[in-house]
Amino acid sequence: MVIFVTGDETGRSIRLTDERWKHIIEEHPDVTIEEIKATVKAPTKITPSSYNPENVCYYSKVHK
């Protein structure tokens, strides 16, 4: 199931699936879906995924 679809700063269409969401909250239980969207739209860093070279990982610094 797809939770949301949004665009990134390079124009790519990015989707968050429930499987990825479950993975994210295992490592970062306090992150929100809105923070994920904001990170995809304006990341501080983008790196290739170590699991799948066709995917990238988006990062941002979040201060709570």
PDB file of N, CA and C in Angstrom:
ATOM      1  N   MET A   1       0.844  -1.185   0.000  1.00  0.00           N
ATOM      2  CA  MET A   1       0.000   0.000   0.000  1.00  0.00           C
ATOM      3  C   MET A   1       0.890   1.249   0.000  1.00  0.00           C
ATOM      4  N   VAL A   2       0.503   2.236  -0.784  1.00  0.00           N
ATOM      5  CA  VAL A   2       1.234   3.493  -0.857  1.00  0.00           C
ATOM      6  C   VAL A   2       0.610   4.493   0.115  1.00  0.00           C
ATOM      7  N   ILE A   3       1.456   5.073   0.973  1.00  0.00           N
ATOM      8  CA  ILE A   3       0.981   6.049   1.963  1.00  0.00           C
ATOM      9  C   ILE A   3       0.889   7.439   1.332  1.00  0.00           C
ATOM     10  N   PHE A   4       1.926   7.831   0.565  1.00  0.00           N
ATOM     11  CA  PHE A   4       1.869   9.089  -0.165  1.00  0.00           C
ATOM     12  C   PHE A   4       2.809   9.042  -1.354  1.00  0.00           C
ATOM     13  N   VAL A   5       2.559   9.965  -2.307  1.00  0.00           N
ATOM     14  CA  VAL A   5       3.436  10.179  -3.447  1.00  0.00           C
ATOM     15  C   VAL A   5       3.710  11.668  -3.488  1.00  0.00           C
ATOM     16  N   THR A   6       4.980  12.046  -3.657  1.00  0.00           N
ATOM     17  CA  THR A   6       5.361  13.451  -3.741  1.00  0.00           C
ATOM     18  C   THR A   6       6.566  13.570  -4.659  1.00  0.00           C
ATOM     19  N   GLY A   7       6.913  14.770  -5.024  1.00  0.00           N
ATOM     20  CA  GLY A   7       8.079  14.998  -5.858  1.00  0.00           C
ATOM     21  C   GLY A   7       9.273  15.426  -5.030  1.00  0.00           C
ATOM     22  N   ASP A   8      10.485  15.087  -5.522  1.00  0.00           N
ATOM     23  CA  ASP A   8      11.688  15.560  -4.839  1.00  0.00           C
ATOM     24  C   ASP A   8      12.256  16.762  -5.576  1.00  0.00           C
ATOM     25  N   GLU A   9      13.383  17.278  -5.107  1.00  0.00           N
ATOM     26  CA  GLU A   9      13.961  18.496  -5.680  1.00  0.00           C
ATOM     27  C   GLU A   9      14.505  18.292  -7.092  1.00  0.00           C
ATOM     28  N   THR A  10      14.659  17.047  -7.527  1.00  0.00           N
ATOM     29  CA  THR A  10      15.137  16.774  -8.882  1.00  0.00           C
ATOM     30  C   THR A  10      14.002  16.466  -9.843  1.00  0.00           C
ATOM     31  N   GLY A  11      12.771  16.466  -9.338  1.00  0.00           N
ATOM     32  CA  GLY A  11      11.615  16.192 -10.174  1.00  0.00           C
ATOM     33  C   GLY A  11      11.185  14.741 -10.198  1.00  0.00           C
ATOM     34  N   ARG A  12      11.885  13.891  -9.455  1.00  0.00           N
ATOM     35  CA  ARG A  12      11.490  12.482  -9.381  1.00  0.00           C
ATOM     36  C   ARG A  12      10.211  12.339  -8.565  1.00  0.00           C
ATOM     37  N   SER A  13       9.396  11.382  -8.926  1.00  0.00           N
ATOM     38  CA  SER A  13       8.196  11.054  -8.162  1.00  0.00           C
ATOM     39  C   SER A  13       8.585  10.031  -7.111  1.00  0.00           C
ATOM     40  N   ILE A  14       8.336  10.352  -5.854  1.00  0.00           N
ATOM     41  CA  ILE A  14       8.739   9.513  -4.731  1.00  0.00           C
ATOM     42  C   ILE A  14       7.494   9.027  -4.002  1.00  0.00           C
ATOM     43  N   ARG A  15       7.466   7.734  -3.699  1.00  0.00           N
ATOM     44  CA  ARG A  15       6.333   7.181  -2.957  1.00  0.00           C
ATOM     45  C   ARG A  15       6.826   6.549  -1.663  1.00  0.00           C
ATOM     46  N   LEU A  16       6.022   6.668  -0.633  1.00  0.00           N
ATOM     47  CA  LEU A  16       6.288   6.010   0.642  1.00  0.00           C
ATOM     48  C   LEU A  16       5.289   4.880   0.781  1.00  0.00           C
ATOM     49  N   THR A  17       5.810   3.653   0.864  1.00  0.00           N
ATOM     50  CA  THR A  17       4.940   2.496   1.034  1.00  0.00           C
ATOM     51  C   THR A  17       4.832   2.151   2.515  1.00  0.00           C
ATOM     52  N   ASP A  18       3.831   1.376   2.847  1.00  0.00           N
ATOM     53  CA  ASP A  18       3.687   0.983   4.248  1.00  0.00           C
ATOM     54  C   ASP A  18       4.865   0.123   4.703  1.00  0.00           C
ATOM     55  N   GLU A  19       5.447  -0.663   3.816  1.00  0.00           N
ATOM     56  CA  GLU A  19       6.614  -1.473   4.171  1.00  0.00           C
ATOM     57  C   GLU A  19       7.804  -0.581   4.542  1.00  0.00           C
ATOM     58  N   ARG A  20       8.053   0.461   3.753  1.00  0.00           N
ATOM     59  CA  ARG A  20       9.148   1.396   4.051  1.00  0.00           C
ATOM     60  C   ARG A  20       8.851   2.175   5.320  1.00  0.00           C
ATOM     61  N   TRP A  21       7.596   2.568   5.499  1.00  0.00           N
ATOM     62  CA  TRP A  21       7.208   3.313   6.698  1.00  0.00           C
ATOM     63  C   TRP A  21       7.498   2.493   7.947  1.00  0.00           C
ATOM     64  N   LYS A  22       7.144   1.202   7.924  1.00  0.00           N
ATOM     65  CA  LYS A  22       7.417   0.333   9.068  1.00  0.00           C
ATOM     66  C   LYS A  22       8.913   0.253   9.348  1.00  0.00           C
ATOM     67  N   HIS A  23       9.714   0.181   8.295  1.00  0.00           N
ATOM     68  CA  HIS A  23      11.176   0.153   8.457  1.00  0.00           C
ATOM     69  C   HIS A  23      11.674   1.461   9.084  1.00  0.00           C
ATOM     70  N   ILE A  24      11.180   2.588   8.613  1.00  0.00           N
ATOM     71  CA  ILE A  24      11.609   3.897   9.119  1.00  0.00           C
ATOM     72  C   ILE A  24      11.294   4.036  10.605  1.00  0.00           C
ATOM     73  N   ILE A  25      10.074   3.694  11.007  1.00  0.00           N
ATOM     74  CA  ILE A  25       9.708   3.929  12.405  1.00  0.00           C
ATOM     75  C   ILE A  25      10.352   2.936  13.368  1.00  0.00           C
ATOM     76  N   GLU A  26      10.878   1.823  12.847  1.00  0.00           N
ATOM     77  CA  GLU A  26      11.664   0.933  13.707  1.00  0.00           C
ATOM     78  C   GLU A  26      12.927   1.634  14.188  1.00  0.00           C
ATOM     79  N   GLU A  27      13.565   2.375  13.302  1.00  0.00           N
ATOM     80  CA  GLU A  27      14.807   3.081  13.630  1.00  0.00           C
ATOM     81  C   GLU A  27      14.561   4.485  14.183  1.00  0.00           C
ATOM     82  N   HIS A  28      13.463   5.095  13.789  1.00  0.00           N
ATOM     83  CA  HIS A  28      13.156   6.483  14.165  1.00  0.00           C
ATOM     84  C   HIS A  28      11.691   6.581  14.588  1.00  0.00           C
ATOM     85  N   PRO A  29      11.343   6.059  15.770  1.00  0.00           N
ATOM     86  CA  PRO A  29       9.934   5.972  16.173  1.00  0.00           C
ATOM     87  C   PRO A  29       9.226   7.308  16.356  1.00  0.00           C
ATOM     88  N   ASP A  30       9.958   8.393  16.482  1.00  0.00           N
ATOM     89  CA  ASP A  30       9.305   9.684  16.709  1.00  0.00           C
ATOM     90  C   ASP A  30       9.119  10.509  15.433  1.00  0.00           C
ATOM     91  N   VAL A  31       9.543  10.000  14.282  1.00  0.00           N
ATOM     92  CA  VAL A  31       9.403  10.753  13.037  1.00  0.00           C
ATOM     93  C   VAL A  31       7.950  10.658  12.549  1.00  0.00           C
ATOM     94  N   THR A  32       7.474  11.737  11.908  1.00  0.00           N
ATOM     95  CA  THR A  32       6.113  11.779  11.389  1.00  0.00           C
ATOM     96  C   THR A  32       6.123  11.665   9.866  1.00  0.00           C
ATOM     97  N   ILE A  33       4.978  11.333   9.311  1.00  0.00           N
ATOM     98  CA  ILE A  33       4.862  11.266   7.857  1.00  0.00           C
ATOM     99  C   ILE A  33       5.104  12.641   7.248  1.00  0.00           C
ATOM    100  N   GLU A  34       4.654  13.691   7.888  1.00  0.00           N
ATOM    101  CA  GLU A  34       4.881  15.051   7.380  1.00  0.00           C
ATOM    102  C   GLU A  34       6.380  15.382   7.345  1.00  0.00           C
ATOM    103  N   GLU A  35       7.138  14.911   8.335  1.00  0.00           N
ATOM    104  CA  GLU A  35       8.591  15.123   8.324  1.00  0.00           C
ATOM    105  C   GLU A  35       9.249  14.357   7.182  1.00  0.00           C
ATOM    106  N   ILE A  36       8.730  13.176   6.874  1.00  0.00           N
ATOM    107  CA  ILE A  36       9.258  12.408   5.749  1.00  0.00           C
ATOM    108  C   ILE A  36       9.016  13.177   4.448  1.00  0.00           C
ATOM    109  N   LYS A  37       7.809  13.688   4.252  1.00  0.00           N
ATOM    110  CA  LYS A  37       7.500  14.476   3.049  1.00  0.00           C
ATOM    111  C   LYS A  37       8.419  15.685   2.938  1.00  0.00           C
ATOM    112  N   ALA A  38       8.618  16.403   4.044  1.00  0.00           N
ATOM    113  CA  ALA A  38       9.472  17.591   4.038  1.00  0.00           C
ATOM    114  C   ALA A  38      10.914  17.219   3.708  1.00  0.00           C
ATOM    115  N   THR A  39      11.378  16.089   4.203  1.00  0.00           N
ATOM    116  CA  THR A  39      12.742  15.633   3.918  1.00  0.00           C
ATOM    117  C   THR A  39      12.902  15.301   2.450  1.00  0.00           C
ATOM    118  N   VAL A  40      11.921  14.650   1.854  1.00  0.00           N
ATOM    119  CA  VAL A  40      12.000  14.315   0.430  1.00  0.00           C
ATOM    120  C   VAL A  40      12.008  15.592  -0.411  1.00  0.00           C
ATOM    121  N   LYS A  41      11.211  16.570  -0.037  1.00  0.00           N
ATOM    122  CA  LYS A  41      11.119  17.810  -0.818  1.00  0.00           C
ATOM    123  C   LYS A  41      12.353  18.699  -0.660  1.00  0.00           C
ATOM    124  N   ALA A  42      12.998  18.674   0.513  1.00  0.00           N
ATOM    125  CA  ALA A  42      14.154  19.550   0.761  1.00  0.00           C
ATOM    126  C   ALA A  42      15.168  18.831   1.652  1.00  0.00           C
ATOM    127  N   PRO A  43      15.836  17.809   1.125  1.00  0.00           N
ATOM    128  CA  PRO A  43      16.799  17.054   1.939  1.00  0.00           C
ATOM    129  C   PRO A  43      18.097  17.826   2.150  1.00  0.00           C
ATOM    130  N   THR A  44      18.790  17.495   3.236  1.00  0.00           N
ATOM    131  CA  THR A  44      20.127  18.049   3.427  1.00  0.00           C
ATOM    132  C   THR A  44      21.174  17.154   2.776  1.00  0.00           C
ATOM    133  N   LYS A  45      20.771  15.886   2.508  1.00  0.00           N
ATOM    134  CA  LYS A  45      21.689  14.948   1.858  1.00  0.00           C
ATOM    135  C   LYS A  45      20.877  13.859   1.167  1.00  0.00           C
ATOM    136  N   ILE A  46      21.348  13.438  -0.033  1.00  0.00           N
ATOM    137  CA  ILE A  46      20.771  12.307  -0.752  1.00  0.00           C
ATOM    138  C   ILE A  46      21.919  11.357  -1.052  1.00  0.00           C
ATOM    139  N   THR A  47      21.739  10.075  -0.709  1.00  0.00           N
ATOM    140  CA  THR A  47      22.776   9.078  -0.980  1.00  0.00           C
ATOM    141  C   THR A  47      22.155   7.856  -1.655  1.00  0.00           C
ATOM    142  N   PRO A  48      22.962   7.121  -2.423  1.00  0.00           N
ATOM    143  CA  PRO A  48      22.450   5.876  -3.004  1.00  0.00           C
ATOM    144  C   PRO A  48      22.118   4.876  -1.895  1.00  0.00           C
ATOM    145  N   SER A  49      21.096   4.089  -2.115  1.00  0.00           N
ATOM    146  CA  SER A  49      20.733   3.044  -1.163  1.00  0.00           C
ATOM    147  C   SER A  49      21.769   1.935  -1.210  1.00  0.00           C
ATOM    148  N   SER A  50      22.156   1.438  -0.057  1.00  0.00           N
ATOM    149  CA  SER A  50      23.105   0.326  -0.024  1.00  0.00           C
ATOM    150  C   SER A  50      22.409  -1.002  -0.306  1.00  0.00           C
ATOM    151  N   TYR A  51      21.074  -1.005  -0.275  1.00  0.00           N
ATOM    152  CA  TYR A  51      20.305  -2.222  -0.511  1.00  0.00           C
ATOM    153  C   TYR A  51      19.877  -2.371  -1.969  1.00  0.00           C
ATOM    154  N   ASN A  52      19.598  -1.249  -2.628  1.00  0.00           N
ATOM    155  CA  ASN A  52      19.113  -1.283  -4.007  1.00  0.00           C
ATOM    156  C   ASN A  52      19.686  -0.082  -4.748  1.00  0.00           C
ATOM    157  N   PRO A  53      20.577  -0.300  -5.711  1.00  0.00           N
ATOM    158  CA  PRO A  53      21.224   0.823  -6.394  1.00  0.00           C
ATOM    159  C   PRO A  53      20.268   1.701  -7.198  1.00  0.00           C
ATOM    160  N   GLU A  54      19.042   1.234  -7.430  1.00  0.00           N
ATOM    161  CA  GLU A  54      18.057   2.050  -8.139  1.00  0.00           C
ATOM    162  C   GLU A  54      17.364   3.046  -7.205  1.00  0.00           C
ATOM    163  N   ASN A  55      17.550   2.888  -5.901  1.00  0.00           N
ATOM    164  CA  ASN A  55      16.911   3.755  -4.911  1.00  0.00           C
ATOM    165  C   ASN A  55      17.926   4.697  -4.276  1.00  0.00           C
ATOM    166  N   VAL A  56      17.404   5.781  -3.709  1.00  0.00           N
ATOM    167  CA  VAL A  56      18.243   6.711  -2.961  1.00  0.00           C
ATOM    168  C   VAL A  56      17.636   6.921  -1.579  1.00  0.00           C
ATOM    169  N   CYS A  57      18.451   7.406  -0.653  1.00  0.00           N
ATOM    170  CA  CYS A  57      18.010   7.710   0.712  1.00  0.00           C
ATOM    171  C   CYS A  57      18.080   9.214   0.921  1.00  0.00           C
ATOM    172  N   TYR A  58      17.066   9.763   1.538  1.00  0.00           N
ATOM    173  CA  TYR A  58      16.975  11.202   1.810  1.00  0.00           C
ATOM    174  C   TYR A  58      17.207  11.436   3.298  1.00  0.00           C
ATOM    175  N   TYR A  59      17.958  12.480   3.609  1.00  0.00           N
ATOM    176  CA  TYR A  59      18.266  12.791   5.005  1.00  0.00           C
ATOM    177  C   TYR A  59      18.016  14.277   5.268  1.00  0.00           C
ATOM    178  N   SER A  60      17.639  14.569   6.507  1.00  0.00           N
ATOM    179  CA  SER A  60      17.551  15.958   6.962  1.00  0.00           C
ATOM    180  C   SER A  60      17.784  15.971   8.469  1.00  0.00           C
ATOM    181  N   LYS A  61      18.170  17.113   8.945  1.00  0.00           N
ATOM    182  CA  LYS A  61      18.347  17.284  10.375  1.00  0.00           C
ATOM    183  C   LYS A  61      17.041  17.795  10.949  1.00  0.00           C
ATOM    184  N   VAL A  62      16.505  17.049  11.896  1.00  0.00           N
ATOM    185  CA  VAL A  62      15.242  17.410  12.525  1.00  0.00           C
ATOM    186  C   VAL A  62      15.529  17.702  13.988  1.00  0.00           C
ATOM    187  N   HIS A  63      15.114  18.871  14.427  1.00  0.00           N
ATOM    188  CA  HIS A  63      15.327  19.264  15.823  1.00  0.00           C
ATOM    189  C   HIS A  63      13.968  19.320  16.509  1.00  0.00           C
ATOM    190  N   LYS A  64      13.819  18.493  17.513  1.00  0.00           N
ATOM    191  CA  LYS A  64      12.543  18.477  18.237  1.00  0.00           C
ATOM    192  C   LYS A  64      12.749  18.977  19.636  1.00  0.00           C
TER     193      LYS A  64
END
